[in-house]
């Protein structure tokens, strides 16, 4: 590792994604006959680790898989990408996590997850991986692992001087003690509702929810709304981040690409507005291809999209 390496620690889940494409998503109690079925590597932790790796970061991924064919496939996939598996442990008592995903023709999705070995990524297992935090710049963590493990990861990051990024997904309520350890929180609109009990329909609502969440501890809150853009709120004001125009195919990993790219941008010491534009471009790129990990873009792809997209002035609204 060079002295100038961009080092990101990712603590999170590993799943196998089972994906069915259909004309539209089913309503409760309804069966919709779909088309293509594919199986691919997934899990929010693994997706974000892979995304940060493809964006050029030195990634130290802490996760857990089962001792089964899916776990073997996940480890093989990481190795094929050159993503180190030093801190990915293998559990003999639980299956690798599974995500069942339906995607409609517009790229929207429904996801149900069986966590398996992910819920056995315990605090003790994380403590055994503490060397991964030494010399790193940013921690990125999500919530497909036990909350207490995510909380410890944030505490360990603070102890080692890392900036912290929490992608609070899947949606749930969180204690203020955990949120006070977060530098950047990146909920989508559904997660923002769960965290604040406020309706989020548009960018104005997103800003209101972001301010509510900001008051509970994070230094920065970014509420993402897919192709409607995002809102970034700090104690000094708010700015809107425009979505980049692309032909969306599958939004499954767009949020993961966004959070990973934000972490990489912060580790590169980009100004917040530049890091957020980079993140927006990464999310847009991921939405143009099917699947989770197969859709994750490289740094070259993200910079190419940015190069052909005019820079839009971000609306900045100061407090008051």
Protein backbone atom coordinates (compact mmCIF):
# COMPACT_ATOMS: atom_id res chain seq x y z
CA UNK A 1 0.00 0.00 0.00
CA UNK A 2 1.40 3.37 -0.99
CA UNK A 3 1.47 6.32 1.38
CA UNK A 4 -1.16 8.00 -0.82
CA UNK A 5 -3.52 5.03 -1.05
CA UNK A 6 -7.22 5.71 -0.57
CA UNK A 7 -8.25 3.21 2.12
CA UNK A 8 -11.92 2.47 2.84
CA UNK A 9 -13.14 -0.04 5.43
CA UNK A 10 -16.51 -1.60 4.61
CA UNK A 11 -18.36 -3.59 7.28
CA UNK A 12 -21.48 -5.32 6.06
CA UNK A 13 -23.42 -8.14 4.47
CA UNK A 14 -22.79 -10.73 1.79
CA UNK A 15 -25.76 -12.22 -0.10
CA UNK A 16 -26.55 -14.16 -3.21
CA UNK A 17 -29.14 -12.24 -5.25
CA UNK A 18 -31.90 -14.17 -7.01
CA UNK A 19 -33.51 -11.83 -9.50
CA UNK A 20 -36.69 -12.15 -11.56
CA UNK A 21 -37.62 -9.54 -14.16
CA UNK A 22 -41.28 -8.80 -14.76
CA UNK A 23 -43.37 -6.28 -16.66
CA UNK A 24 -44.47 -4.79 -13.34
CA UNK A 25 -44.16 -5.44 -9.63
CA UNK A 26 -46.92 -7.48 -7.95
CA UNK A 27 -49.49 -6.07 -5.57
CA UNK A 28 -50.01 -7.83 -2.21
CA UNK A 29 -51.48 -11.29 -2.81
CA UNK A 30 -50.88 -11.12 -6.57
CA UNK A 31 -48.73 -13.39 -8.73
CA UNK A 32 -47.01 -11.77 -11.69
CA UNK A 33 -45.43 -14.02 -14.32
CA UNK A 34 -41.91 -12.81 -14.93
CA UNK A 35 -39.27 -13.32 -17.56
CA UNK A 36 -35.53 -13.68 -17.14
CA UNK A 37 -34.08 -15.15 -13.93
CA UNK A 38 -30.48 -14.50 -12.92
CA UNK A 39 -28.41 -15.20 -9.82
CA UNK A 40 -25.51 -12.95 -8.87
CA UNK A 41 -23.43 -11.77 -5.95
CA UNK A 42 -25.03 -9.15 -3.72
CA UNK A 43 -25.55 -7.93 -0.17
CA UNK A 44 -25.23 -4.24 0.65
CA UNK A 45 -21.85 -4.68 2.30
CA UNK A 46 -20.39 -6.72 -0.53
CA UNK A 47 -21.92 -4.40 -3.13
CA UNK A 48 -20.43 -1.33 -1.51
CA UNK A 49 -17.06 -3.00 -1.00
CA UNK A 50 -16.99 -4.05 -4.66
CA UNK A 51 -18.10 -0.60 -5.78
CA UNK A 52 -15.39 1.17 -3.77
CA UNK A 53 -12.82 -1.30 -5.12
CA UNK A 54 -13.84 -0.66 -8.73
CA UNK A 55 -13.64 3.06 -8.05
CA UNK A 56 -9.98 2.67 -7.15
CA UNK A 57 -9.96 2.45 -3.35
CA UNK A 58 -7.93 0.03 -1.27
CA UNK A 59 -10.90 -1.75 0.33
CA UNK A 60 -10.81 -3.73 3.56
CA UNK A 61 -14.09 -5.63 3.70
CA UNK A 62 -15.35 -7.20 6.94
CA UNK A 63 -18.20 -9.67 6.33
CA UNK A 64 -19.38 -13.24 6.90
CA UNK A 65 -20.57 -16.05 4.61
CA UNK A 66 -21.83 -19.57 5.17
CA UNK A 67 -19.82 -22.70 4.51
CA UNK A 68 -21.85 -23.51 1.40
CA UNK A 69 -21.76 -23.21 -2.37
CA UNK A 70 -23.05 -19.64 -2.29
CA UNK A 71 -20.38 -18.61 0.20
CA UNK A 72 -17.71 -20.27 -1.96
CA UNK A 73 -19.06 -18.41 -4.99
CA UNK A 74 -18.98 -15.09 -3.13
CA UNK A 75 -15.37 -15.59 -2.05
CA UNK A 76 -14.41 -16.64 -5.58
CA UNK A 77 -16.10 -13.54 -6.96
CA UNK A 78 -14.16 -11.28 -4.61
CA UNK A 79 -10.90 -13.01 -5.54
CA UNK A 80 -11.63 -12.65 -9.25
CA UNK A 81 -12.09 -8.90 -8.73
CA UNK A 82 -8.91 -8.61 -6.68
CA UNK A 83 -10.90 -7.64 -3.58
CA UNK A 84 -9.09 -9.06 -0.49
CA UNK A 85 -11.06 -11.48 1.69
CA UNK A 86 -8.72 -11.33 4.69
CA UNK A 87 -11.53 -10.23 7.04
CA UNK A 88 -14.40 -12.19 5.46
CA UNK A 89 -15.10 -15.05 7.88
CA UNK A 90 -16.82 -18.37 7.09
CA UNK A 91 -19.62 -19.64 9.34
CA UNK A 92 -20.27 -23.40 9.60
CA UNK A 93 -23.59 -22.96 11.40
CA UNK A 94 -25.50 -20.63 9.05
CA UNK A 95 -26.19 -20.32 5.34
CA UNK A 96 -24.94 -17.47 3.22
CA UNK A 97 -27.49 -14.65 3.03
CA UNK A 98 -30.06 -14.68 0.22
CA UNK A 99 -31.94 -11.77 -1.39
CA UNK A 100 -35.06 -12.35 -3.49
CA UNK A 101 -35.48 -9.48 -5.94
CA UNK A 102 -38.15 -8.53 -8.46
CA UNK A 103 -37.42 -5.82 -11.03
CA UNK A 104 -39.97 -4.15 -13.31
CA UNK A 105 -39.37 -2.85 -16.82
CA UNK A 106 -38.66 0.64 -15.48
CA UNK A 107 -35.88 -0.59 -13.19
CA UNK A 108 -37.76 -0.33 -9.89
CA UNK A 109 -37.49 -3.26 -7.51
CA UNK A 110 -38.84 -5.12 -4.50
CA UNK A 111 -36.38 -7.00 -2.26
CA UNK A 112 -36.75 -9.51 0.59
CA UNK A 113 -33.66 -10.76 2.41
CA UNK A 114 -32.85 -13.85 4.48
CA UNK A 115 -29.73 -12.70 6.38
CA UNK A 116 -28.22 -16.07 7.30
CA UNK A 117 -24.54 -15.71 8.24
CA UNK A 118 -24.79 -11.91 8.08
CA UNK A 119 -26.60 -11.88 11.42
CA UNK A 120 -23.73 -13.88 12.90
CA UNK A 121 -21.22 -11.13 12.15
CA UNK A 122 -20.92 -10.46 15.87
CA UNK A 123 -19.09 -7.83 17.87
CA UNK A 124 -16.41 -10.43 18.68
CA UNK A 125 -15.95 -11.20 14.98
CA UNK A 126 -15.59 -7.48 14.29
CA UNK A 127 -13.06 -7.01 17.08
CA UNK A 128 -10.95 -9.74 15.47
CA UNK A 129 -10.87 -7.60 12.32
CA UNK A 130 -9.72 -4.41 14.08
CA UNK A 131 -6.38 -4.36 12.17
CA UNK A 132 -8.44 -3.48 9.08
CA UNK A 133 -9.15 -0.06 10.61
CA UNK A 134 -5.49 0.87 11.14
CA UNK A 135 -4.35 3.51 8.65
CA UNK A 136 -7.70 3.72 6.85
CA UNK A 137 -9.50 6.94 5.97
CA UNK A 138 -13.23 6.17 5.89
CA UNK A 139 -15.61 3.56 7.32
CA UNK A 140 -18.72 2.62 5.35
CA UNK A 141 -21.32 0.52 7.17
CA UNK A 142 -24.95 -0.56 6.57
CA UNK A 143 -27.66 -2.38 8.53
CA UNK A 144 -27.94 -5.88 7.03
CA UNK A 145 -25.78 -6.96 9.98
CA UNK A 146 -26.69 -6.77 13.70
CA UNK A 147 -27.21 -3.18 14.88
CA UNK A 148 -24.81 -3.73 17.77
CA UNK A 149 -22.07 -4.76 15.30
CA UNK A 150 -22.66 -1.67 13.17
CA UNK A 151 -22.54 0.46 16.33
CA UNK A 152 -19.20 -1.09 17.35
CA UNK A 153 -17.83 -0.50 13.86
CA UNK A 154 -18.63 3.20 14.21
CA UNK A 155 -16.99 3.29 17.65
CA UNK A 156 -13.87 1.56 16.32
CA UNK A 157 -13.72 3.95 13.39
CA UNK A 158 -13.85 6.95 15.72
CA UNK A 159 -11.11 5.41 17.89
CA UNK A 160 -8.88 5.04 14.81
CA UNK A 161 -9.66 8.49 13.40
CA UNK A 162 -11.75 7.40 10.41
CA UNK A 163 -14.56 9.45 8.90
CA UNK A 164 -17.82 7.49 9.13
CA UNK A 165 -20.51 6.94 6.50
CA UNK A 166 -23.71 5.12 7.48
CA UNK A 167 -26.06 3.86 4.80
CA UNK A 168 -29.08 3.16 7.07
CA UNK A 169 -30.51 0.33 5.00
CA UNK A 170 -32.70 -1.63 5.30
CA UNK A 171 -34.98 0.95 6.87
CA UNK A 172 -35.42 0.95 10.65
CA UNK A 173 -35.38 3.30 13.62
CA UNK A 174 -31.98 3.98 15.19
CA UNK A 175 -30.85 5.22 18.62
CA UNK A 176 -29.35 8.67 18.94
CA UNK A 177 -26.22 7.20 20.53
CA UNK A 178 -25.40 5.42 17.27
CA UNK A 179 -26.27 8.43 15.11
CA UNK A 180 -23.89 10.65 17.10
CA UNK A 181 -21.03 8.49 15.77
CA UNK A 182 -22.01 9.19 12.14
CA UNK A 183 -20.34 11.86 10.02
CA UNK A 184 -22.41 11.16 6.88
CA UNK A 185 -25.83 9.45 6.77
CA UNK A 186 -27.19 8.45 3.34
CA UNK A 187 -30.84 7.29 3.62
CA UNK A 188 -33.14 7.03 0.65
CA UNK A 189 -36.68 8.35 0.99
CA UNK A 190 -38.05 5.14 2.54
CA UNK A 191 -35.25 5.00 5.09
CA UNK A 192 -35.64 8.70 5.87
CA UNK A 193 -39.31 8.10 6.71
CA UNK A 194 -38.37 5.25 9.08
CA UNK A 195 -35.77 7.41 10.80
CA UNK A 196 -37.86 10.57 11.18
CA UNK A 197 -41.57 9.60 10.94
CA UNK A 198 -41.91 12.35 8.33
CA UNK A 199 -43.43 11.83 4.90
CA UNK A 200 -40.90 12.13 2.07
CA UNK A 201 -42.41 12.63 -1.36
CA UNK A 202 -40.28 15.35 -2.95
CA UNK A 203 -37.04 17.26 -2.43
CA UNK A 204 -38.69 19.72 -0.04
CA UNK A 205 -39.86 16.84 2.15
CA UNK A 206 -36.42 15.25 1.89
CA UNK A 207 -34.79 18.42 3.18
CA UNK A 208 -37.20 18.58 6.11
CA UNK A 209 -36.49 14.95 7.01
CA UNK A 210 -32.75 15.50 6.62
CA UNK A 211 -32.84 18.43 9.04
CA UNK A 212 -34.75 16.30 11.55
CA UNK A 213 -32.18 13.52 11.29
CA UNK A 214 -29.30 16.01 11.45
CA UNK A 215 -30.52 17.20 14.84
CA UNK A 216 -29.97 13.69 16.21
CA UNK A 217 -26.25 13.51 15.57
CA UNK A 218 -24.82 13.19 12.04
CA UNK A 219 -22.76 16.07 10.66
CA UNK A 220 -24.09 15.55 7.12
CA UNK A 221 -27.34 13.98 5.93
CA UNK A 222 -27.90 13.09 2.27
CA UNK A 223 -31.42 11.92 1.38
CA UNK A 224 -31.46 10.27 -2.04
CA UNK A 225 -34.55 10.12 -4.26
CA UNK A 226 -33.34 8.16 -7.29
CA UNK A 227 -33.88 9.98 -10.57
CA UNK A 228 -35.20 13.02 -8.68
CA UNK A 229 -31.77 13.72 -7.24
CA UNK A 230 -30.77 14.16 -3.62
CA UNK A 231 -30.61 16.73 -0.83
CA UNK A 232 -27.50 17.35 1.28
CA UNK A 233 -28.06 19.08 4.62
CA UNK A 234 -25.55 20.31 7.21
CA UNK A 235 -25.80 22.74 10.08
CA UNK A 236 -24.86 25.50 7.62
CA UNK A 237 -27.54 24.93 5.01
CA UNK A 238 -28.85 22.64 2.29
CA UNK A 239 -28.04 21.93 -1.34
CA UNK A 240 -29.80 19.93 -4.01
CA UNK A 241 -27.81 17.40 -6.01
CA UNK A 242 -29.20 16.95 -9.49
CA UNK A 243 -29.65 13.42 -10.83
CA UNK A 244 -27.68 12.62 -13.97
CA UNK A 245 -29.81 11.64 -16.96
CA UNK A 246 -29.37 8.00 -17.96
CA UNK A 247 -31.55 5.18 -19.33
CA UNK A 248 -32.34 3.22 -16.16
CA UNK A 249 -32.53 -0.57 -16.43
CA UNK A 250 -32.26 -1.78 -12.82
CA UNK A 251 -31.95 0.37 -9.68
CA UNK A 252 -30.96 -2.57 -7.45
CA UNK A 253 -27.45 -1.38 -6.56
CA UNK A 254 -27.67 2.32 -7.42
CA UNK A 255 -27.86 3.33 -3.76
CA UNK A 256 -24.90 1.11 -2.92
CA UNK A 257 -22.86 2.67 -5.70
CA UNK A 258 -23.82 6.14 -4.44
CA UNK A 259 -22.74 5.48 -0.84
CA UNK A 260 -19.53 3.73 -1.89
CA UNK A 261 -18.57 6.53 -4.26
CA UNK A 262 -19.27 9.11 -1.58
CA UNK A 263 -16.95 7.21 0.80
CA UNK A 264 -14.25 7.03 -1.87
CA UNK A 265 -14.64 10.72 -2.67
CA UNK A 266 -14.30 11.63 1.00
CA UNK A 267 -11.25 9.37 1.34
CA UNK A 268 -9.75 11.26 -1.61
CA UNK A 269 -10.43 14.51 0.31
CA UNK A 270 -12.76 15.86 -2.38
CA UNK A 271 -14.88 18.85 -1.32
CA UNK A 272 -18.37 17.67 -0.30
CA UNK A 273 -20.09 19.00 -3.43
CA UNK A 274 -17.58 17.21 -5.69
CA UNK A 275 -17.82 14.00 -3.68
CA UNK A 276 -21.62 14.13 -3.97
CA UNK A 277 -21.55 14.70 -7.73
CA UNK A 278 -19.15 11.78 -8.08
CA UNK A 279 -21.54 9.68 -5.98
CA UNK A 280 -24.53 10.75 -8.06
CA UNK A 281 -22.72 9.71 -11.24
CA UNK A 282 -21.78 6.33 -9.78
CA UNK A 283 -25.38 5.67 -8.79
CA UNK A 284 -26.59 6.67 -12.25
CA UNK A 285 -24.07 4.38 -13.94
CA UNK A 286 -25.15 1.43 -11.78
CA UNK A 287 -28.79 1.92 -12.78
CA UNK A 288 -27.97 1.43 -16.47
CA UNK A 289 -27.11 -2.28 -16.09
CA UNK A 290 -28.96 -5.24 -14.54
CA UNK A 291 -27.99 -6.91 -11.29
CA UNK A 292 -26.15 -5.70 -8.22
CA UNK A 293 -22.42 -6.36 -8.41
CA UNK A 294 -22.41 -6.77 -12.22
CA UNK A 295 -23.80 -3.23 -12.53
CA UNK A 296 -21.22 -1.48 -10.37
CA UNK A 297 -19.16 1.02 -12.40
CA UNK A 298 -15.43 1.64 -12.58
CA UNK A 299 -13.81 4.99 -11.85
CA UNK A 300 -13.26 5.44 -15.60
CA UNK A 301 -16.97 4.93 -16.32
CA UNK A 302 -18.00 7.41 -13.65
CA UNK A 303 -15.57 10.08 -14.82
CA UNK A 304 -16.68 9.52 -18.43
CA UNK A 305 -20.32 10.14 -17.46
CA UNK A 306 -19.32 13.26 -15.54
CA UNK A 307 -17.29 14.49 -18.51
CA UNK A 308 -20.28 14.35 -20.85
CA UNK A 309 -22.74 15.80 -18.31
CA UNK A 310 -22.79 19.60 -17.94
CA UNK A 311 -22.09 20.79 -14.43
CA UNK A 312 -25.30 22.14 -12.98
CA UNK A 313 -25.28 24.82 -10.36
CA UNK A 314 -26.40 23.27 -7.09
CA UNK A 315 -29.15 25.14 -5.34
CA UNK A 316 -27.78 26.29 -1.99
CA UNK A 317 -30.22 27.38 0.68
CA UNK A 318 -28.73 28.76 3.85
CA UNK A 319 -30.45 28.30 7.18
CA UNK A 320 -32.89 30.82 8.32
